[in-house]
Amino acid sequence: MDRGLYKNILIATDGSENGAQAVNAGMEIAKLSEGKAYALHVIDTSAYPSGRGDPKWKGLIEEQFKTFGLEMTATVEEAAKAAGVEVEFVTLEGHPAEKILDFAEKQAVDMIVVGSLGKTDAERFLLGSVSEKVVRNAKIPVLVVRAKVP
């Protein structure tokens, strides 16, 4: 592998099994290229209503999402240490695919690594897929990682 080809790797984390496999794959690529990894966790603010309802409830939900994001970065930190890779942790709020693509462009990353939820065609049609939106709209290579099937 050309060590200069993928110097800055963006690894999107979501806590799923596929996301964990994406972290491992991204760290391996960063290690082989002697590059840097960005571990990005996006708090999907479309998952809860904004501006409506009890502000206390909204605050509790936001706090849970932030705590989950911190847990994700701890998992990535362990993988980075094991691989000997420099990693920068980032947590953003918004629509995951948009935030991933925006971050990748602003940081001039060379590759995006995401996990696939493995949705059926019907689920993908109804809900959309973060990894699919990233693949369709990215200007750089995207590696979509599925969990290993036993």
N, C-alpha and C. Protein backbone atom coordinates (compact mmCIF):
# COMPACT_ATOMS: atom_id res chain seq x y z
N MET A 1 0.85 -1.18 0.00
CA MET A 1 0.00 0.00 0.00
C MET A 1 0.89 1.24 0.00
N ASP A 2 0.57 2.17 -0.87
CA ASP A 2 1.27 3.44 -0.90
C ASP A 2 0.98 4.16 0.42
N ARG A 3 2.02 4.40 1.20
CA ARG A 3 1.82 4.97 2.54
C ARG A 3 1.25 6.38 2.51
N GLY A 4 1.33 7.08 1.40
CA GLY A 4 0.81 8.43 1.33
C GLY A 4 -0.60 8.52 0.78
N LEU A 5 -1.14 7.38 0.34
CA LEU A 5 -2.44 7.38 -0.33
C LEU A 5 -3.60 7.74 0.60
N TYR A 6 -3.64 7.15 1.77
CA TYR A 6 -4.74 7.38 2.71
C TYR A 6 -4.16 7.82 4.05
N LYS A 7 -3.71 9.06 4.11
CA LYS A 7 -3.07 9.57 5.32
C LYS A 7 -4.08 9.98 6.39
N ASN A 8 -5.24 10.47 5.97
CA ASN A 8 -6.26 10.92 6.91
C ASN A 8 -7.53 10.11 6.69
N ILE A 9 -7.88 9.30 7.68
CA ILE A 9 -9.01 8.39 7.58
C ILE A 9 -10.11 8.84 8.52
N LEU A 10 -11.31 9.00 8.00
CA LEU A 10 -12.47 9.33 8.82
C LEU A 10 -13.24 8.05 9.11
N ILE A 11 -13.37 7.72 10.39
CA ILE A 11 -14.10 6.53 10.80
C ILE A 11 -15.37 6.99 11.51
N ALA A 12 -16.52 6.70 10.90
CA ALA A 12 -17.79 7.08 11.50
C ALA A 12 -18.23 5.96 12.45
N THR A 13 -18.52 6.30 13.68
CA THR A 13 -18.88 5.31 14.68
C THR A 13 -20.34 5.48 15.09
N ASP A 14 -21.03 4.35 15.28
CA ASP A 14 -22.43 4.41 15.70
C ASP A 14 -22.79 3.41 16.78
N GLY A 15 -21.84 2.62 17.22
CA GLY A 15 -22.10 1.67 18.30
C GLY A 15 -22.60 0.31 17.86
N SER A 16 -22.86 0.14 16.58
CA SER A 16 -23.35 -1.15 16.10
C SER A 16 -22.18 -2.11 15.92
N GLU A 17 -22.52 -3.39 15.69
CA GLU A 17 -21.48 -4.39 15.41
C GLU A 17 -20.75 -4.04 14.12
N ASN A 18 -21.50 -3.58 13.11
CA ASN A 18 -20.86 -3.16 11.87
C ASN A 18 -19.98 -1.94 12.10
N GLY A 19 -20.43 -1.05 12.98
CA GLY A 19 -19.62 0.12 13.33
C GLY A 19 -18.31 -0.28 13.99
N ALA A 20 -18.36 -1.30 14.85
CA ALA A 20 -17.15 -1.79 15.50
C ALA A 20 -16.19 -2.39 14.48
N GLN A 21 -16.73 -3.10 13.50
CA GLN A 21 -15.89 -3.65 12.44
C GLN A 21 -15.29 -2.53 11.59
N ALA A 22 -16.06 -1.45 11.40
CA ALA A 22 -15.56 -0.30 10.64
C ALA A 22 -14.40 0.35 11.39
N VAL A 23 -14.51 0.44 12.70
CA VAL A 23 -13.41 1.00 13.51
C VAL A 23 -12.16 0.16 13.32
N ASN A 24 -12.30 -1.15 13.41
CA ASN A 24 -11.13 -2.03 13.24
C ASN A 24 -10.51 -1.89 11.85
N ALA A 25 -11.36 -1.85 10.82
CA ALA A 25 -10.86 -1.72 9.45
C ALA A 25 -10.18 -0.37 9.25
N GLY A 26 -10.81 0.69 9.74
CA GLY A 26 -10.24 2.03 9.60
C GLY A 26 -8.90 2.16 10.31
N MET A 27 -8.80 1.58 11.48
CA MET A 27 -7.54 1.64 12.23
C MET A 27 -6.44 0.86 11.51
N GLU A 28 -6.80 -0.26 10.91
CA GLU A 28 -5.81 -1.05 10.18
C GLU A 28 -5.29 -0.27 8.96
N ILE A 29 -6.20 0.40 8.26
CA ILE A 29 -5.78 1.21 7.11
C ILE A 29 -4.89 2.36 7.56
N ALA A 30 -5.28 3.04 8.65
CA ALA A 30 -4.47 4.15 9.17
C ALA A 30 -3.09 3.65 9.61
N LYS A 31 -3.07 2.48 10.22
CA LYS A 31 -1.79 1.90 10.66
C LYS A 31 -0.89 1.60 9.46
N LEU A 32 -1.44 0.96 8.44
CA LEU A 32 -0.66 0.59 7.27
C LEU A 32 -0.16 1.81 6.51
N SER A 33 -0.95 2.87 6.51
CA SER A 33 -0.55 4.08 5.78
C SER A 33 0.23 5.06 6.65
N GLU A 34 0.42 4.67 7.91
CA GLU A 34 1.09 5.54 8.89
C GLU A 34 0.40 6.90 8.93
N GLY A 35 -0.93 6.84 8.94
CA GLY A 35 -1.73 8.05 8.91
C GLY A 35 -2.42 8.35 10.22
N LYS A 36 -3.38 9.24 10.13
CA LYS A 36 -4.14 9.70 11.28
C LYS A 36 -5.60 9.31 11.07
N ALA A 37 -6.29 8.99 12.17
CA ALA A 37 -7.70 8.66 12.10
C ALA A 37 -8.52 9.73 12.82
N TYR A 38 -9.65 10.05 12.24
CA TYR A 38 -10.65 10.88 12.90
C TYR A 38 -11.80 9.96 13.26
N ALA A 39 -12.14 9.89 14.52
CA ALA A 39 -13.28 9.09 14.97
C ALA A 39 -14.46 10.04 15.14
N LEU A 40 -15.43 9.91 14.28
CA LEU A 40 -16.57 10.82 14.28
C LEU A 40 -17.83 10.10 14.73
N HIS A 41 -18.47 10.67 15.74
CA HIS A 41 -19.77 10.18 16.18
C HIS A 41 -20.76 11.32 16.00
N VAL A 42 -21.84 11.05 15.27
CA VAL A 42 -22.84 12.08 15.01
C VAL A 42 -24.09 11.76 15.83
N ILE A 43 -24.48 12.71 16.65
CA ILE A 43 -25.73 12.59 17.39
C ILE A 43 -26.84 13.00 16.44
N ASP A 44 -27.67 12.05 16.09
CA ASP A 44 -28.73 12.27 15.11
C ASP A 44 -29.87 13.05 15.75
N THR A 45 -29.86 14.35 15.54
CA THR A 45 -30.87 15.21 16.16
C THR A 45 -32.23 15.06 15.49
N SER A 46 -32.29 14.39 14.35
CA SER A 46 -33.59 14.15 13.73
C SER A 46 -34.33 13.03 14.46
N ALA A 47 -33.64 12.33 15.35
CA ALA A 47 -34.25 11.22 16.08
C ALA A 47 -35.15 11.69 17.21
N TYR A 48 -35.04 12.94 17.58
CA TYR A 48 -35.94 13.46 18.62
C TYR A 48 -36.43 14.85 18.21
N PRO A 49 -37.66 15.17 18.59
CA PRO A 49 -38.25 16.44 18.14
C PRO A 49 -37.57 17.64 18.78
N SER A 50 -37.28 18.64 17.96
CA SER A 50 -36.66 19.84 18.51
C SER A 50 -37.72 20.92 18.66
N GLY A 51 -37.59 21.69 19.70
CA GLY A 51 -38.49 22.81 19.91
C GLY A 51 -39.87 22.43 20.42
N ARG A 52 -40.13 21.14 20.58
CA ARG A 52 -41.44 20.71 21.08
C ARG A 52 -41.26 19.90 22.34
N GLY A 53 -42.31 19.85 23.12
CA GLY A 53 -42.30 18.99 24.29
C GLY A 53 -41.58 19.60 25.48
N ASP A 54 -41.43 18.79 26.47
CA ASP A 54 -40.84 19.19 27.74
C ASP A 54 -39.33 19.39 27.58
N PRO A 55 -38.82 20.60 27.92
CA PRO A 55 -37.38 20.86 27.80
C PRO A 55 -36.54 19.93 28.69
N LYS A 56 -37.13 19.52 29.82
CA LYS A 56 -36.43 18.59 30.71
C LYS A 56 -36.19 17.25 30.00
N TRP A 57 -37.24 16.75 29.35
CA TRP A 57 -37.16 15.49 28.61
C TRP A 57 -36.13 15.60 27.50
N LYS A 58 -36.19 16.70 26.76
CA LYS A 58 -35.24 16.92 25.66
C LYS A 58 -33.80 16.94 26.20
N GLY A 59 -33.60 17.60 27.34
CA GLY A 59 -32.27 17.65 27.95
C GLY A 59 -31.77 16.27 28.34
N LEU A 60 -32.67 15.44 28.88
CA LEU A 60 -32.28 14.07 29.26
C LEU A 60 -31.90 13.24 28.04
N ILE A 61 -32.67 13.39 26.96
CA ILE A 61 -32.37 12.66 25.73
C ILE A 61 -31.01 13.08 25.18
N GLU A 62 -30.78 14.39 25.13
CA GLU A 62 -29.50 14.90 24.62
C GLU A 62 -28.34 14.40 25.46
N GLU A 63 -28.54 14.36 26.77
CA GLU A 63 -27.48 13.88 27.66
C GLU A 63 -27.17 12.41 27.41
N GLN A 64 -28.21 11.61 27.15
CA GLN A 64 -28.01 10.19 26.85
C GLN A 64 -27.21 10.02 25.55
N PHE A 65 -27.57 10.81 24.54
CA PHE A 65 -26.83 10.74 23.27
C PHE A 65 -25.37 11.12 23.46
N LYS A 66 -25.10 12.14 24.25
CA LYS A 66 -23.72 12.58 24.49
C LYS A 66 -22.94 11.52 25.26
N THR A 67 -23.58 10.90 26.24
CA THR A 67 -22.93 9.83 27.01
C THR A 67 -22.58 8.67 26.08
N PHE A 68 -23.52 8.31 25.21
CA PHE A 68 -23.27 7.24 24.25
C PHE A 68 -22.10 7.59 23.34
N GLY A 69 -22.03 8.85 22.91
CA GLY A 69 -20.92 9.31 22.07
C GLY A 69 -19.59 9.17 22.78
N LEU A 70 -19.56 9.48 24.07
CA LEU A 70 -18.33 9.32 24.85
C LEU A 70 -17.92 7.85 24.96
N GLU A 71 -18.91 6.97 25.10
CA GLU A 71 -18.62 5.53 25.14
C GLU A 71 -18.01 5.08 23.81
N MET A 72 -18.52 5.61 22.70
CA MET A 72 -17.99 5.27 21.38
C MET A 72 -16.53 5.70 21.25
N THR A 73 -16.23 6.91 21.73
CA THR A 73 -14.84 7.38 21.61
C THR A 73 -13.91 6.54 22.47
N ALA A 74 -14.39 6.05 23.61
CA ALA A 74 -13.54 5.20 24.44
C ALA A 74 -13.21 3.90 23.71
N THR A 75 -14.18 3.34 23.02
CA THR A 75 -13.96 2.11 22.23
C THR A 75 -12.93 2.36 21.14
N VAL A 76 -13.07 3.48 20.46
CA VAL A 76 -12.14 3.82 19.38
C VAL A 76 -10.75 4.09 19.94
N GLU A 77 -10.68 4.71 21.10
CA GLU A 77 -9.38 5.00 21.71
C GLU A 77 -8.61 3.71 21.98
N GLU A 78 -9.33 2.69 22.47
CA GLU A 78 -8.69 1.39 22.72
C GLU A 78 -8.14 0.80 21.42
N ALA A 79 -8.94 0.86 20.36
CA ALA A 79 -8.51 0.32 19.06
C ALA A 79 -7.32 1.10 18.52
N ALA A 80 -7.31 2.42 18.71
CA ALA A 80 -6.20 3.25 18.23
C ALA A 80 -4.91 2.93 18.98
N LYS A 81 -5.01 2.77 20.29
CA LYS A 81 -3.82 2.41 21.07
C LYS A 81 -3.27 1.07 20.63
N ALA A 82 -4.16 0.10 20.43
CA ALA A 82 -3.72 -1.23 20.00
C ALA A 82 -3.04 -1.19 18.64
N ALA A 83 -3.51 -0.30 17.76
CA ALA A 83 -2.94 -0.20 16.41
C ALA A 83 -1.78 0.78 16.34
N GLY A 84 -1.58 1.57 17.40
CA GLY A 84 -0.52 2.57 17.38
C GLY A 84 -0.83 3.72 16.43
N VAL A 85 -2.09 4.11 16.36
CA VAL A 85 -2.55 5.14 15.43
C VAL A 85 -2.93 6.40 16.18
N GLU A 86 -2.54 7.55 15.64
CA GLU A 86 -2.97 8.84 16.19
C GLU A 86 -4.44 9.02 15.83
N VAL A 87 -5.25 9.40 16.81
CA VAL A 87 -6.68 9.56 16.55
C VAL A 87 -7.19 10.85 17.19
N GLU A 88 -8.09 11.50 16.47
CA GLU A 88 -8.75 12.69 16.98
C GLU A 88 -10.24 12.38 17.07
N PHE A 89 -10.85 12.65 18.23
CA PHE A 89 -12.25 12.35 18.45
C PHE A 89 -13.11 13.57 18.20
N VAL A 90 -14.21 13.36 17.49
CA VAL A 90 -15.12 14.45 17.17
C VAL A 90 -16.55 13.96 17.37
N THR A 91 -17.35 14.77 18.05
CA THR A 91 -18.78 14.50 18.18
C THR A 91 -19.52 15.70 17.62
N LEU A 92 -20.44 15.43 16.70
CA LEU A 92 -21.24 16.48 16.08
C LEU A 92 -22.71 16.15 16.25
N GLU A 93 -23.55 17.14 16.03
CA GLU A 93 -24.99 16.94 16.08
C GLU A 93 -25.60 17.31 14.74
N GLY A 94 -26.59 16.52 14.31
CA GLY A 94 -27.25 16.80 13.06
C GLY A 94 -27.59 15.52 12.33
N HIS A 95 -27.78 15.63 11.03
CA HIS A 95 -28.06 14.46 10.21
C HIS A 95 -26.74 13.74 9.95
N PRO A 96 -26.61 12.46 10.31
CA PRO A 96 -25.33 11.76 10.22
C PRO A 96 -24.64 11.83 8.85
N ALA A 97 -25.33 11.50 7.77
CA ALA A 97 -24.68 11.50 6.46
C ALA A 97 -24.17 12.88 6.09
N GLU A 98 -24.97 13.90 6.33
CA GLU A 98 -24.55 15.26 6.01
C GLU A 98 -23.33 15.67 6.82
N LYS A 99 -23.34 15.35 8.11
CA LYS A 99 -22.22 15.74 8.98
C LYS A 99 -20.95 14.99 8.61
N ILE A 100 -21.08 13.71 8.26
CA ILE A 100 -19.92 12.92 7.84
C ILE A 100 -19.30 13.52 6.59
N LEU A 101 -20.12 13.80 5.60
CA LEU A 101 -19.62 14.36 4.34
C LEU A 101 -19.03 15.75 4.53
N ASP A 102 -19.68 16.57 5.32
CA ASP A 102 -19.20 17.93 5.59
C ASP A 102 -17.85 17.89 6.31
N PHE A 103 -17.74 17.04 7.33
CA PHE A 103 -16.49 16.92 8.08
C PHE A 103 -15.36 16.43 7.17
N ALA A 104 -15.67 15.43 6.34
CA ALA A 104 -14.65 14.87 5.44
C ALA A 104 -14.10 15.93 4.51
N GLU A 105 -14.99 16.77 4.00
CA GLU A 105 -14.56 17.81 3.08
C GLU A 105 -13.74 18.88 3.80
N LYS A 106 -14.21 19.32 4.95
CA LYS A 106 -13.52 20.39 5.70
C LYS A 106 -12.14 19.94 6.19
N GLN A 107 -12.01 18.66 6.57
CA GLN A 107 -10.73 18.16 7.09
C GLN A 107 -9.86 17.56 5.99
N ALA A 108 -10.33 17.57 4.77
CA ALA A 108 -9.59 17.02 3.63
C ALA A 108 -9.12 15.59 3.91
N VAL A 109 -10.06 14.75 4.38
CA VAL A 109 -9.70 13.35 4.62
C VAL A 109 -9.58 12.63 3.28
N ASP A 110 -8.85 11.52 3.30
CA ASP A 110 -8.57 10.76 2.09
C ASP A 110 -9.50 9.58 1.88
N MET A 111 -10.15 9.13 2.99
CA MET A 111 -11.05 7.99 2.91
C MET A 111 -12.03 8.06 4.08
N ILE A 112 -13.25 7.62 3.82
CA ILE A 112 -14.27 7.51 4.86
C ILE A 112 -14.54 6.03 5.08
N VAL A 113 -14.60 5.63 6.34
CA VAL A 113 -14.92 4.24 6.68
C VAL A 113 -16.18 4.26 7.53
N VAL A 114 -17.20 3.53 7.07
CA VAL A 114 -18.48 3.46 7.78
C VAL A 114 -18.94 2.01 7.87
N GLY A 115 -19.76 1.73 8.85
CA GLY A 115 -20.38 0.42 8.96
C GLY A 115 -21.68 0.40 8.19
N SER A 116 -22.07 -0.77 7.75
CA SER A 116 -23.35 -0.93 7.05
C SER A 116 -24.33 -1.59 8.00
N LEU A 117 -25.54 -1.08 8.04
CA LEU A 117 -26.55 -1.71 8.88
C LEU A 117 -27.15 -2.93 8.22
N GLY A 118 -26.87 -3.12 6.94
CA GLY A 118 -27.38 -4.30 6.25
C GLY A 118 -28.89 -4.28 6.12
N LYS A 119 -29.46 -3.12 5.87
CA LYS A 119 -30.91 -3.00 5.76
C LYS A 119 -31.42 -3.71 4.51
N THR A 120 -32.66 -4.12 4.58
CA THR A 120 -33.30 -4.71 3.42
C THR A 120 -33.62 -3.60 2.43
N ASP A 121 -33.97 -3.96 1.20
CA ASP A 121 -34.32 -2.96 0.20
C ASP A 121 -35.49 -2.10 0.67
N ALA A 122 -36.49 -2.73 1.29
CA ALA A 122 -37.66 -1.99 1.76
C ALA A 122 -37.27 -0.98 2.84
N GLU A 123 -36.45 -1.42 3.79
CA GLU A 123 -36.02 -0.50 4.86
C GLU A 123 -35.20 0.64 4.29
N ARG A 124 -34.32 0.33 3.35
CA ARG A 124 -33.49 1.36 2.74
C ARG A 124 -34.36 2.38 2.00
N PHE A 125 -35.39 1.87 1.30
CA PHE A 125 -36.29 2.76 0.55
C PHE A 125 -37.07 3.66 1.50
N LEU A 126 -37.56 3.11 2.59
CA LEU A 126 -38.39 3.88 3.51
C LEU A 126 -37.58 4.81 4.40
N LEU A 127 -36.48 4.33 4.90
CA LEU A 127 -35.72 5.08 5.89
C LEU A 127 -34.49 5.77 5.34
N GLY A 128 -33.94 5.25 4.27
CA GLY A 128 -32.65 5.76 3.80
C GLY A 128 -31.55 5.12 4.62
N SER A 129 -30.36 5.16 4.15
CA SER A 129 -29.23 4.56 4.84
C SER A 129 -28.10 5.58 4.89
N VAL A 130 -27.55 5.76 6.08
CA VAL A 130 -26.45 6.71 6.22
C VAL A 130 -25.29 6.30 5.32
N SER A 131 -24.92 5.02 5.37
CA SER A 131 -23.78 4.58 4.56
C SER A 131 -24.07 4.75 3.07
N GLU A 132 -25.30 4.47 2.65
CA GLU A 132 -25.65 4.62 1.24
C GLU A 132 -25.57 6.09 0.82
N LYS A 133 -26.05 6.99 1.65
CA LYS A 133 -26.00 8.42 1.33
C LYS A 133 -24.55 8.91 1.27
N VAL A 134 -23.73 8.39 2.16
CA VAL A 134 -22.32 8.78 2.15
C VAL A 134 -21.66 8.29 0.86
N VAL A 135 -21.89 7.03 0.51
CA VAL A 135 -21.30 6.47 -0.71
C VAL A 135 -21.74 7.27 -1.94
N ARG A 136 -23.00 7.58 -2.03
CA ARG A 136 -23.53 8.27 -3.21
C ARG A 136 -23.02 9.70 -3.34
N ASN A 137 -22.70 10.35 -2.23
CA ASN A 137 -22.38 11.77 -2.27
C ASN A 137 -20.92 12.13 -1.96
N ALA A 138 -20.13 11.17 -1.55
CA ALA A 138 -18.74 11.45 -1.20
C ALA A 138 -17.91 11.72 -2.45
N LYS A 139 -16.93 12.59 -2.29
CA LYS A 139 -16.01 12.91 -3.38
C LYS A 139 -14.70 12.13 -3.25
N ILE A 140 -14.63 11.29 -2.22
CA ILE A 140 -13.44 10.49 -1.93
C ILE A 140 -13.86 9.03 -1.75
N PRO A 141 -12.91 8.10 -1.71
CA PRO A 141 -13.27 6.70 -1.50
C PRO A 141 -13.97 6.48 -0.16
N VAL A 142 -14.96 5.55 -0.18
CA VAL A 142 -15.70 5.17 1.02
C VAL A 142 -15.62 3.66 1.15
N LEU A 143 -15.22 3.20 2.32
CA LEU A 143 -15.21 1.78 2.62
C LEU A 143 -16.40 1.49 3.53
N VAL A 144 -17.31 0.63 3.07
CA VAL A 144 -18.47 0.23 3.87
C VAL A 144 -18.17 -1.16 4.39
N VAL A 145 -18.20 -1.29 5.72
CA VAL A 145 -17.80 -2.54 6.37
C VAL A 145 -19.03 -3.22 6.99
N ARG A 146 -19.16 -4.49 6.72
CA ARG A 146 -20.22 -5.30 7.33
C ARG A 146 -19.60 -6.15 8.43
N ALA A 147 -20.41 -6.48 9.43
CA ALA A 147 -19.94 -7.36 10.49
C ALA A 147 -19.68 -8.74 9.90
N LYS A 148 -18.72 -9.43 10.46
CA LYS A 148 -18.42 -10.77 9.99
C LYS A 148 -19.54 -11.71 10.40
N VAL A 149 -19.95 -12.54 9.48
CA VAL A 149 -21.00 -13.52 9.75
C VAL A 149 -20.33 -14.80 10.24
N PRO A 150 -20.78 -15.33 11.38
CA PRO A 150 -20.14 -16.54 11.91
C PRO A 150 -20.33 -17.76 11.04
